[in-house]
Protein backbone atom coordinates (compact mmCIF):
# COMPACT_ATOMS: atom_id res chain seq x y z
CA MET A 1 175.27 -18.10 -99.02
CA ASN A 2 173.17 -19.03 -95.31
CA LEU A 3 171.57 -22.25 -95.55
CA ARG A 4 170.64 -22.39 -92.02
CA GLY A 5 167.24 -22.85 -91.39
CA LEU A 6 166.54 -25.00 -94.58
CA ARG A 7 165.39 -28.51 -94.82
CA PRO A 8 167.83 -30.47 -96.71
CA ALA A 9 167.54 -30.51 -100.58
CA PHE A 10 167.89 -34.09 -100.86
CA ASP A 11 167.68 -37.61 -99.37
CA ALA A 12 171.35 -38.98 -99.85
CA ALA A 13 171.31 -42.77 -99.99
CA ALA A 14 174.87 -43.30 -100.70
CA VAL A 15 178.31 -42.55 -101.57
CA THR A 16 178.58 -44.29 -105.10
CA ARG A 17 181.34 -42.60 -106.84
CA PHE A 18 185.03 -41.30 -105.66
CA CYS A 19 187.35 -39.84 -108.21
CA LEU A 20 191.07 -39.58 -107.67
CA ARG A 21 193.56 -37.78 -109.36
CA SER A 22 196.89 -39.54 -110.04
CA HIS A 23 200.29 -38.46 -111.71
CA ASP A 24 200.54 -42.06 -112.93
CA VAL A 25 197.21 -44.13 -113.47
CA ALA A 26 199.05 -46.88 -114.57
CA ARG A 27 200.97 -47.36 -111.24
CA SER A 28 197.88 -46.56 -109.04
CA VAL A 29 195.90 -48.85 -110.91
CA ASP A 30 198.81 -51.58 -110.29
CA PHE A 31 199.05 -50.68 -106.67
CA LEU A 32 195.10 -51.09 -106.23
CA ARG A 33 195.06 -54.38 -107.83
CA LYS A 34 197.87 -55.45 -105.33
CA VAL A 35 195.99 -54.12 -102.21
CA PHE A 36 192.43 -54.95 -102.96
CA ALA A 37 192.90 -57.97 -105.39
CA LYS A 38 190.14 -56.44 -107.68
CA PRO A 39 190.30 -55.99 -111.12
CA SER A 40 189.59 -52.68 -112.78
CA ILE A 41 186.11 -52.59 -114.41
CA GLY A 42 187.87 -50.82 -117.43
CA ALA A 43 188.89 -47.88 -119.18
CA LEU A 44 187.20 -44.67 -119.22
CA ALA A 45 187.61 -41.62 -121.07
CA ASN A 46 190.62 -39.38 -121.04
CA GLY A 47 192.81 -42.38 -119.98
CA ALA A 48 190.86 -42.93 -116.46
CA GLN A 49 190.46 -46.31 -114.93
CA ALA A 50 187.81 -47.74 -112.89
CA PHE A 51 187.17 -50.31 -109.66
CA LEU A 52 183.97 -51.19 -108.20
CA PHE A 53 183.78 -51.89 -104.60
CA GLY A 54 180.42 -53.04 -103.74
CA HIS A 55 177.96 -50.49 -105.21
CA THR A 56 180.94 -47.66 -105.51
CA VAL A 57 183.03 -46.79 -108.08
CA LEU A 58 186.37 -45.54 -107.67
CA GLU A 59 187.93 -44.03 -110.32
CA ILE A 60 191.58 -43.02 -110.94
CA ARG A 61 192.00 -40.23 -113.43
CA PRO A 62 195.43 -38.83 -114.95
CA ILE A 63 196.45 -35.19 -113.53
CA ALA A 64 195.38 -32.39 -115.91
CA GLY A 65 197.64 -29.22 -116.06
CA MET A 66 198.68 -27.79 -112.30
CA GLN A 67 196.38 -30.14 -110.34
CA ASN A 68 197.66 -32.25 -107.51
CA PRO A 69 197.23 -35.93 -106.96
CA GLY A 70 194.01 -36.29 -104.44
CA LEU A 71 190.33 -36.36 -104.12
CA GLU A 72 188.75 -34.84 -107.45
CA ARG A 73 185.07 -35.47 -107.02
CA ILE A 74 182.73 -37.37 -104.77
CA GLY A 75 179.64 -39.01 -106.17
CA VAL A 76 176.30 -39.02 -104.01
CA GLY A 77 173.26 -40.92 -105.04
CA ILE A 78 169.89 -39.36 -104.24
CA HIS A 79 166.35 -40.64 -104.21
CA GLY A 80 163.14 -38.63 -105.15
CA VAL A 81 164.32 -36.57 -107.78
CA THR A 82 165.53 -36.45 -111.31
CA LEU A 83 168.85 -34.55 -112.23
CA LYS A 84 166.73 -31.81 -113.92
CA GLN A 85 165.06 -31.19 -110.73
CA ALA A 86 167.90 -31.52 -108.59
CA ARG A 87 169.64 -28.86 -111.16
CA ARG A 88 166.62 -26.26 -110.12
CA ILE A 89 166.78 -27.25 -106.46
CA LEU A 90 170.23 -26.35 -106.26
CA GLU A 91 170.19 -23.23 -108.42
CA GLN A 92 167.14 -22.08 -105.90
CA ARG A 93 169.33 -22.45 -102.98
CA GLY A 94 172.13 -20.21 -104.60
CA ILE A 95 174.40 -23.10 -105.60
CA GLN A 96 175.46 -23.12 -109.30
CA PRO A 97 175.41 -26.20 -110.70
CA HIS A 98 177.75 -27.32 -113.87
CA GLY A 99 178.26 -30.11 -115.90
CA SER A 100 176.74 -31.78 -118.96
CA LYS A 101 172.69 -32.44 -119.13
CA ASP A 102 173.67 -35.93 -118.03
CA GLU A 103 175.36 -34.77 -114.76
CA VAL A 104 174.85 -32.53 -111.99
CA LEU A 105 178.15 -31.01 -110.66
CA PHE A 106 178.77 -28.42 -107.96
CA ARG A 107 181.36 -27.23 -105.24
CA ASP A 108 181.19 -27.07 -101.76
CA PRO A 109 182.44 -23.89 -99.88
CA ASP A 110 186.08 -25.39 -99.95
CA GLY A 111 185.95 -26.12 -103.58
CA ASN A 112 185.54 -29.55 -103.42
CA GLU A 113 183.46 -31.07 -106.47
CA LEU A 114 180.17 -33.01 -105.74
CA GLN A 115 178.14 -35.17 -108.38
CA LEU A 116 174.84 -35.90 -107.71
CA ILE A 117 173.64 -39.11 -108.92
CA ALA A 118 169.61 -39.90 -109.32
CA LEU A 119 169.00 -43.43 -108.04
């Protein structure tokens, strides 16, 4: 896929979310509370926990299967398009989005997962 010469597809406004994988979510949550003195904003599906740092959510998720700890996903807030439009734009550029109708996920050439969040 050669994207050279194409105008950027989206107006990226902010990194709005980071999702990290952890062997022990409770241990990671305790560590983050000690370092940042921030309470978690709550439990999420599948045993995940979330923290709010300004306008950015840091989500800690349990490791599934043979995954390694580390970065799972980065969420990028975009202006001027709906998620449906974003999905279509990615497809037009040869990038295969996935996820539910309420989220647009895709992978970069190294396999890192990104999430588009309409602002």
